[in-house]
Protein backbone atom coordinates (compact mmCIF):
# COMPACT_ATOMS: atom_id res chain seq x y z
CA MET A 1 113.47 -14.48 55.02
CA LEU A 2 109.98 -13.12 54.34
CA ARG A 3 111.11 -9.94 52.59
CA PRO A 4 109.23 -9.60 49.26
CA GLN A 5 111.30 -9.72 46.08
CA ALA A 6 112.14 -6.39 44.49
CA GLY A 7 110.07 -5.40 41.50
CA THR A 8 106.98 -7.48 42.31
CA SER A 9 103.67 -5.69 41.82
CA THR A 10 100.83 -8.16 42.40
CA GLU A 11 97.80 -6.38 43.87
CA LEU A 12 96.65 -7.96 47.11
CA LEU A 13 93.19 -8.04 48.66
CA ASP A 14 91.77 -4.80 50.10
CA GLY A 15 94.84 -2.76 49.21
CA LEU A 16 97.19 -4.65 51.54
CA THR A 17 100.85 -4.69 50.58
CA ALA A 18 103.04 -7.77 50.64
CA GLU A 19 105.20 -6.16 53.32
CA GLN A 20 102.16 -5.58 55.56
CA VAL A 21 100.97 -9.16 55.17
CA LEU A 22 104.33 -10.83 55.71
CA ALA A 23 105.02 -8.67 58.77
CA ARG A 24 101.92 -10.21 60.40
CA VAL A 25 103.07 -13.83 60.04
CA ASP A 26 103.76 -15.25 63.53
CA VAL A 27 104.34 -18.91 62.59
CA PRO A 28 107.57 -20.91 62.11
CA VAL A 29 109.36 -20.02 58.85
CA MET A 30 112.12 -22.28 57.50
CA ARG A 31 114.36 -22.10 54.47
CA VAL A 32 114.26 -25.91 54.25
CA GLY A 33 111.71 -28.01 56.10
CA PRO A 34 112.57 -30.84 58.52
CA GLU A 35 111.36 -33.51 56.10
CA ARG A 36 113.87 -32.60 53.40
CA THR A 37 116.56 -32.16 56.06
CA GLU A 38 115.85 -35.68 57.27
CA TRP A 39 116.10 -37.08 53.74
CA GLN A 40 119.49 -35.45 53.27
CA CYS A 41 120.68 -36.76 56.64
CA VAL A 42 119.84 -40.32 55.58
CA ARG A 43 121.82 -39.82 52.36
CA ASP A 44 124.75 -38.30 54.21
CA ASP A 45 124.87 -41.01 56.90
CA HIS A 46 125.04 -43.77 54.32
CA ALA A 47 127.48 -41.84 52.16
CA ALA A 48 129.80 -41.79 55.16
CA MET A 49 129.39 -45.56 55.53
CA ALA A 50 130.25 -45.99 51.84
CA GLU A 51 133.39 -43.88 52.26
CA ALA A 52 134.34 -46.12 55.21
CA GLY A 53 133.86 -49.22 53.03
CA GLU A 54 131.00 -50.67 55.11
CA TRP A 55 129.38 -52.26 52.07
CA ALA A 56 128.02 -55.40 53.77
CA ASP A 57 126.14 -53.30 56.33
CA LEU A 58 124.92 -50.96 53.60
CA LEU A 59 123.53 -53.79 51.48
CA GLU A 60 121.79 -55.29 54.51
CA ALA A 61 120.23 -51.93 55.39
CA LEU A 62 119.19 -51.38 51.78
CA ARG A 63 117.53 -54.80 51.54
CA TYR A 64 115.66 -54.41 54.86
CA THR A 65 114.33 -50.90 54.21
CA ASP A 66 113.33 -51.85 50.67
CA GLN A 67 111.45 -55.04 51.47
CA GLU A 68 109.84 -53.57 54.61
CA ARG A 69 108.81 -50.36 52.77
CA VAL A 70 110.41 -48.25 55.51
CA MET A 71 109.20 -44.66 55.22
CA ALA A 72 110.88 -41.42 56.25
CA SER A 73 108.96 -38.23 57.02
CA GLY A 74 106.94 -36.85 54.15
CA GLY A 75 106.26 -40.25 52.61
CA ARG A 76 109.76 -40.69 51.18
CA ARG A 77 111.04 -44.26 51.07
CA VAL A 78 114.30 -44.81 52.95
CA ALA A 79 115.75 -47.41 50.55
CA PRO A 80 116.22 -44.99 47.60
CA LEU A 81 117.84 -42.51 49.99
CA ILE A 82 120.31 -45.18 51.14
CA SER A 83 121.04 -46.07 47.53
CA ASP A 84 121.61 -42.35 46.83
CA GLY A 85 124.11 -42.25 49.68
CA MET A 86 125.94 -45.30 48.36
CA ARG A 87 126.34 -43.52 45.00
CA SER A 88 127.21 -40.12 46.49
CA GLY A 89 130.80 -40.17 45.23
CA LEU A 90 129.55 -40.71 41.69
CA THR A 91 126.90 -38.00 42.10
CA ARG A 92 129.52 -35.46 43.17
CA ALA A 93 131.79 -36.41 40.27
CA ILE A 94 128.93 -36.00 37.78
CA ALA A 95 128.05 -32.59 39.27
CA ARG A 96 131.65 -31.50 38.65
CA GLN A 97 131.62 -33.15 35.21
CA ASP A 98 134.77 -34.96 36.32
CA TRP A 99 134.40 -38.02 34.12
CA ILE A 100 137.69 -39.57 35.27
CA ALA A 101 136.53 -39.49 38.89
CA ALA A 102 133.08 -40.74 37.81
CA LYS A 103 134.71 -43.72 36.08
CA ALA A 104 136.65 -44.51 39.26
CA GLU A 105 133.48 -44.33 41.38
CA LEU A 106 131.68 -46.60 38.92
CA ALA A 107 134.54 -49.10 39.13
CA LEU A 108 134.16 -49.11 42.93
CA LEU A 109 130.47 -49.99 42.65
CA GLU A 110 131.25 -52.63 40.03
CA ASP A 111 133.64 -54.22 42.54
CA VAL A 112 130.89 -54.25 45.18
CA TYR A 113 128.60 -56.02 42.73
CA ASP A 114 131.30 -58.50 41.64
CA ARG A 115 131.70 -59.50 45.30
CA ASN A 116 127.91 -59.82 45.74
CA PRO A 117 126.57 -61.09 42.39
CA GLU A 118 123.57 -62.83 43.98
CA ASP A 119 122.42 -59.72 45.84
CA TYR A 120 119.81 -57.73 43.94
CA CYS A 121 120.66 -54.67 46.05
CA ALA A 122 124.23 -54.61 44.74
CA ALA A 123 122.84 -54.91 41.21
CA GLN A 124 120.38 -52.07 41.85
CA VAL A 125 123.06 -49.67 43.08
CA LEU A 126 125.29 -50.39 40.09
CA ALA A 127 122.38 -50.24 37.61
CA GLN A 128 121.22 -46.90 39.03
CA ALA A 129 124.80 -45.64 38.75
CA HIS A 130 124.76 -46.51 35.04
CA VAL A 131 121.41 -44.71 34.66
CA ASP A 132 122.84 -41.65 36.45
CA LEU A 133 125.77 -41.55 34.04
CA ALA A 134 123.53 -42.10 31.01
CA ASN A 135 121.25 -39.27 32.06
CA ALA A 136 124.25 -36.99 32.64
CA LYS A 137 125.60 -37.74 29.17
CA ARG A 138 122.20 -37.00 27.64
CA LYS A 139 121.59 -33.87 29.68
CA PRO A 140 122.28 -31.40 26.83
CA THR A 141 119.66 -31.10 24.12
CA ALA A 142 119.83 -33.67 21.37
CA ALA A 143 121.26 -31.08 18.95
CA ASP A 144 124.21 -30.46 21.28
CA LEU A 145 125.02 -34.13 21.86
CA SER A 146 128.03 -35.54 20.12
CA ARG A 147 127.78 -38.97 18.56
CA ASP A 148 130.28 -40.30 21.11
CA ALA A 149 128.29 -38.93 24.08
CA TRP A 150 125.10 -40.47 22.72
CA ALA A 151 126.86 -43.82 22.27
CA GLU A 152 128.24 -43.64 25.83
CA ALA A 153 124.77 -42.96 27.22
CA ALA A 154 123.30 -45.85 25.25
CA ALA A 155 126.02 -48.17 26.56
CA HIS A 156 125.27 -47.20 30.16
CA TYR A 157 121.54 -47.80 29.64
CA GLU A 158 122.37 -51.19 28.14
CA GLN A 159 124.50 -52.14 31.14
CA ALA A 160 121.77 -51.02 33.54
CA GLU A 161 119.15 -53.03 31.65
CA ARG A 162 121.36 -56.13 31.77
CA LEU A 163 121.73 -55.80 35.55
CA VAL A 164 118.08 -55.23 36.46
CA THR A 165 116.82 -58.05 34.23
CA LEU A 166 118.90 -60.52 36.24
CA PHE A 167 116.34 -60.15 39.04
CA ASP A 168 112.54 -59.95 39.10
CA PRO A 169 111.21 -57.08 41.28
CA ILE A 170 108.06 -59.07 42.08
CA GLU A 171 110.00 -62.17 43.20
CA GLU A 172 112.38 -60.05 45.26
CA MET A 173 109.46 -58.00 46.68
CA SER A 174 111.51 -54.93 45.77
CA PRO A 175 109.95 -51.55 44.93
CA LEU A 176 113.51 -50.22 44.69
CA LEU A 177 114.37 -52.61 41.88
CA ALA A 178 111.06 -51.81 40.15
CA ALA A 179 111.89 -48.09 40.34
CA THR A 180 115.34 -48.55 38.82
CA ARG A 181 113.91 -50.72 36.07
CA TYR A 182 111.33 -48.01 35.35
CA ALA A 183 114.13 -45.41 35.18
CA LEU A 184 115.34 -47.22 32.04
CA VAL A 185 112.21 -46.26 30.10
CA PRO A 186 113.58 -43.05 28.48
CA GLY A 187 116.77 -44.79 27.38
CA ILE A 188 115.72 -48.06 25.80
CA GLU A 189 114.15 -48.70 22.42
CA ASP A 190 110.98 -50.38 23.65
CA GLY A 191 110.41 -47.99 26.57
CA GLY A 192 107.01 -46.93 25.27
CA SER A 193 105.76 -50.51 25.08
CA VAL A 194 106.87 -51.56 28.59
CA CYS A 195 106.40 -48.37 30.63
CA ARG A 196 102.78 -49.07 31.62
CA GLU A 197 103.54 -52.65 32.67
CA TRP A 198 106.63 -51.63 34.65
CA TYR A 199 104.74 -48.77 36.27
CA GLU A 200 101.97 -51.11 37.35
CA ASP A 201 104.53 -53.52 38.86
CA TRP A 202 106.04 -50.65 40.84
CA VAL A 203 102.61 -49.53 42.09
CA ASP A 204 101.60 -53.10 43.00
CA LEU A 205 104.74 -53.42 45.11
CA ASP A 206 104.30 -50.09 46.88
CA PRO A 207 100.94 -48.37 46.22
CA GLU A 208 101.65 -45.63 48.78
CA ASP A 209 104.76 -44.31 47.01
CA ALA A 210 103.95 -41.13 45.07
CA GLU A 211 107.30 -41.34 43.25
CA ALA A 212 105.88 -44.03 40.97
CA HIS A 213 103.08 -41.71 39.81
CA ALA A 214 105.45 -38.76 39.40
CA ALA A 215 107.86 -40.75 37.22
CA HIS A 216 105.13 -42.28 35.05
CA ALA A 217 103.34 -38.95 34.60
CA VAL A 218 106.33 -37.45 32.76
CA ASN A 219 106.52 -40.38 30.35
CA MET A 220 102.81 -40.01 29.57
CA LEU A 221 103.20 -36.39 28.41
CA PRO A 222 103.42 -35.30 24.77
CA GLY A 223 106.99 -35.48 23.56
CA TRP A 224 107.64 -38.63 25.51
CA TYR A 225 105.35 -41.67 25.12
CA GLY A 226 101.91 -40.13 25.49
CA SER A 227 99.56 -37.31 24.64
CA LEU A 228 97.37 -34.98 26.68
CA SER A 229 94.43 -37.39 26.48
CA ALA A 230 96.64 -40.37 27.32
CA PHE A 231 98.10 -38.47 30.26
CA GLU A 232 94.64 -37.78 31.68
CA ARG A 233 93.58 -41.41 31.19
CA GLU A 234 96.69 -42.64 33.02
CA ALA A 235 96.09 -40.17 35.85
CA ARG A 236 92.57 -41.56 36.32
CA ARG A 237 93.89 -45.11 36.04
CA ALA A 238 96.45 -44.35 38.75
CA VAL A 239 93.59 -43.36 41.05
CA ARG A 240 91.80 -46.64 40.34
CA LEU A 241 94.99 -48.57 41.14
CA THR A 242 95.55 -46.88 44.50
CA ASP A 243 92.25 -45.39 45.71
CA GLY A 244 91.93 -48.01 48.43
CA VAL A 245 95.21 -46.81 49.94
CA THR A 246 95.66 -43.11 49.16
CA GLY A 247 92.30 -42.02 47.76
CA LYS A 248 92.64 -39.64 44.81
CA ALA A 249 96.21 -38.60 45.73
CA ALA A 250 97.67 -40.18 42.58
CA TYR A 251 95.78 -37.67 40.43
CA ALA A 252 97.47 -34.82 42.27
CA ALA A 253 100.88 -36.48 41.98
CA PHE A 254 100.41 -36.81 38.21
CA HIS A 255 99.48 -33.18 37.67
CA ILE A 256 102.13 -31.80 40.04
CA SER A 257 104.73 -33.78 38.11
CA ALA A 258 103.35 -32.45 34.79
CA LEU A 259 103.57 -28.91 36.16
CA GLU A 260 107.24 -29.41 37.02
CA ALA A 261 107.98 -30.84 33.56
CA PHE A 262 105.78 -28.50 31.48
CA GLY A 263 105.96 -25.33 33.56
CA ASP A 264 102.16 -25.24 33.52
CA LEU A 265 99.23 -27.40 34.55
CA SER A 266 97.84 -29.73 31.93
CA PRO A 267 94.82 -28.30 30.06
CA THR A 268 93.05 -31.61 30.74
CA LEU A 269 92.95 -30.85 34.48
CA ASP A 270 89.60 -31.51 36.16
CA HIS A 271 89.73 -28.76 38.79
CA GLU A 272 87.20 -30.10 41.30
CA PHE A 273 88.70 -33.60 41.10
CA PHE A 274 92.17 -32.09 41.47
CA PHE A 275 91.24 -30.11 44.60
CA GLU A 276 89.91 -33.30 46.23
CA ALA A 277 93.07 -35.11 45.15
CA LEU A 278 95.30 -32.42 46.69
CA GLY A 279 93.54 -33.02 50.01
CA ASP A 280 94.21 -36.76 49.78
CA TYR A 281 97.79 -36.06 48.66
CA GLN A 282 98.48 -34.17 51.88
CA SER A 283 96.42 -36.48 54.10
CA ALA A 284 98.36 -39.52 52.84
CA THR A 285 101.40 -38.34 54.81
CA GLY A 286 100.03 -35.55 56.99
CA CYS A 287 103.35 -33.80 56.46
CA GLN A 288 104.12 -30.11 56.12
CA VAL A 289 106.19 -30.41 52.96
CA ARG A 290 103.09 -31.55 51.05
CA ALA A 291 100.92 -28.95 52.79
CA ASN A 292 103.33 -26.25 51.60
CA ILE A 293 103.43 -27.67 48.07
CA ALA A 294 99.63 -27.69 47.94
CA ALA A 295 99.31 -24.15 49.34
CA HIS A 296 101.88 -22.76 46.90
CA LEU A 297 100.26 -24.45 43.92
CA LEU A 298 96.76 -23.23 44.85
CA ALA A 299 98.03 -19.70 45.45
CA ASP A 300 99.66 -19.67 42.01
CA MET A 301 96.42 -20.88 40.45
CA ALA A 302 94.35 -18.28 42.31
CA MET A 303 96.69 -15.50 41.16
CA ALA A 304 96.32 -16.62 37.54
CA PHE A 305 92.53 -16.83 37.77
CA ARG A 306 92.29 -13.39 39.35
CA LYS A 307 94.36 -11.92 36.50
CA ALA A 308 92.08 -13.65 33.98
CA GLY A 309 89.15 -11.55 35.18
CA PRO A 310 85.38 -12.34 35.26
CA THR A 311 85.67 -15.25 32.83
CA ALA A 312 87.57 -17.21 35.50
CA SER A 313 85.36 -16.29 38.47
CA TRP A 314 84.06 -19.85 38.98
CA HIS A 315 87.58 -21.28 38.94
CA LEU A 316 88.79 -18.54 41.30
CA THR A 317 86.01 -19.27 43.79
CA LYS A 318 86.75 -23.00 43.83
CA THR A 319 90.50 -22.44 44.07
CA ARG A 320 90.16 -19.96 46.93
CA ALA A 321 87.98 -22.47 48.83
CA ALA A 322 90.67 -25.15 48.40
CA LEU A 323 93.40 -22.71 49.45
CA SER A 324 91.38 -21.74 52.53
CA ASP A 325 91.09 -25.39 53.53
CA VAL A 326 94.85 -25.89 53.28
CA LEU A 327 95.71 -22.77 55.28
CA TRP A 328 93.02 -23.13 57.95
CA ASN A 329 93.27 -26.90 58.44
CA ARG A 330 96.60 -28.25 57.15
CA LEU A 331 99.47 -25.74 57.06
CA ARG A 332 101.27 -25.15 60.38
CA GLU A 333 104.67 -23.89 59.23
CA ILE A 334 106.14 -22.20 56.17
CA GLN A 335 108.87 -24.01 54.23
CA LEU A 336 110.24 -21.49 51.77
CA ASP A 337 111.91 -24.08 49.54
CA CYS A 338 108.40 -25.21 48.54
CA TRP A 339 107.36 -21.65 47.57
CA THR A 340 109.34 -21.56 44.37
CA SER A 341 107.41 -18.56 43.02
CA GLY A 342 108.69 -16.50 45.94
CA THR A 343 107.34 -14.74 48.97
CA GLN A 344 105.02 -12.57 46.87
CA THR A 345 102.94 -15.71 46.24
CA LEU A 346 102.99 -16.46 49.96
CA ALA A 347 101.79 -12.93 50.74
CA PHE A 348 99.01 -13.30 48.16
CA ALA A 349 97.86 -16.58 49.74
CA MET A 350 97.76 -15.10 53.23
CA ALA A 351 95.93 -11.97 52.07
CA GLU A 352 93.47 -14.00 50.03
CA VAL A 353 92.43 -16.10 53.03
CA PHE A 354 93.06 -13.83 56.03
CA GLY A 355 92.74 -10.37 54.38
CA PRO A 356 89.68 -9.02 56.25
CA ALA A 357 91.16 -9.95 59.63
CA LEU A 358 94.54 -8.51 58.68
CA LYS A 359 92.86 -5.20 57.83
CA ARG A 360 91.56 -5.13 61.41
CA GLY A 361 95.09 -5.55 62.76
CA ALA A 362 95.10 -9.33 63.27
CA ARG A 363 98.22 -11.45 63.08
CA ILE A 364 98.53 -14.93 61.53
CA VAL A 365 99.24 -17.61 64.14
CA ARG A 366 99.07 -21.35 64.56
CA ARG A 367 95.59 -22.55 65.45
CA GLY A 368 94.73 -26.24 65.79
CA ASP A 369 95.98 -28.22 62.80
CA GLY A 370 96.42 -25.13 60.65
CA LEU A 371 96.63 -21.35 60.77
CA GLY A 372 94.28 -18.73 62.12
CA THR A 373 94.18 -15.07 63.06
CA LEU A 374 94.60 -13.34 66.40
CA VAL A 375 94.23 -9.69 67.46
CA ARG A 376 96.87 -9.20 70.12
CA ARG A 377 95.75 -6.98 72.99
CA THR A 378 98.25 -4.59 74.54
């Protein structure tokens, strides 16, 4: 699993090769980490209940986990995972672009709602199903969309909006309902005018949930409802809203989300603030999925600063210090699904932090809450 990709040529510290570095890694390596496996198990378990028609039990479980803010590993909320499982038939149909099957799955969820019209959870599942279909219809670029597909997407957004406005997320104490209402923002005419208010409602209901920051960050980018300056202001505002609970973690969540949407970090990034925020982001859950995300991101940044040469020496020094903290004190296992740039980036990170010891023949092992080096005696 740790074999470097063919054709990579990044120069590592002290002349080490990627093969040499990766051969010295004596820590657990996983294709997918246990946190993401757990999330998928929750989806699958509740998908099986949906296939068995156990809708009353599903709605009860959804309501309890939502109102009690039940958390799975890695900080993920259980209620959205249950809702995902309840819509799994629709999700599979959309993935196949089988619109006849998707219509049948939607009709099944409409029947569940018709039998439970006073239950906000039934409304949420159906509303999210409409959002899923609307997003699928709008997935091609605007130039490729037919007029009929655009009209279908608009109709699904309209149905979702009708359903979620029947209930107040604050009155129901429902972060799940607030999240589904926020998901309407890209598809309704006044999305730009309500997104900040709806985001704040979601954060008030569940200030520990990083998903709220990630969703709002995208809408604050240029091309959506914001600008680079507005994005940075909202990232700082997110910290003020949640600093008593998760420190500066919201700032990291904003910029990680922007990276995924843009393909690059925002030029407004305050590096020192961001490095502190990454620490809070991982500490908020203490999980390895976030430790791997942070390590991968910092390694990518360090590689870019090294290529930039002397002009980026200050940024490289600060980034290497942050990467060292993650590897020495936070990372205990490698989850390859988080290292989306590949194992060459992983080799660079290990060489950057442990290079001198590796040159002396050391191996990389678990040590305390993070990694360390060990010279094995024979």
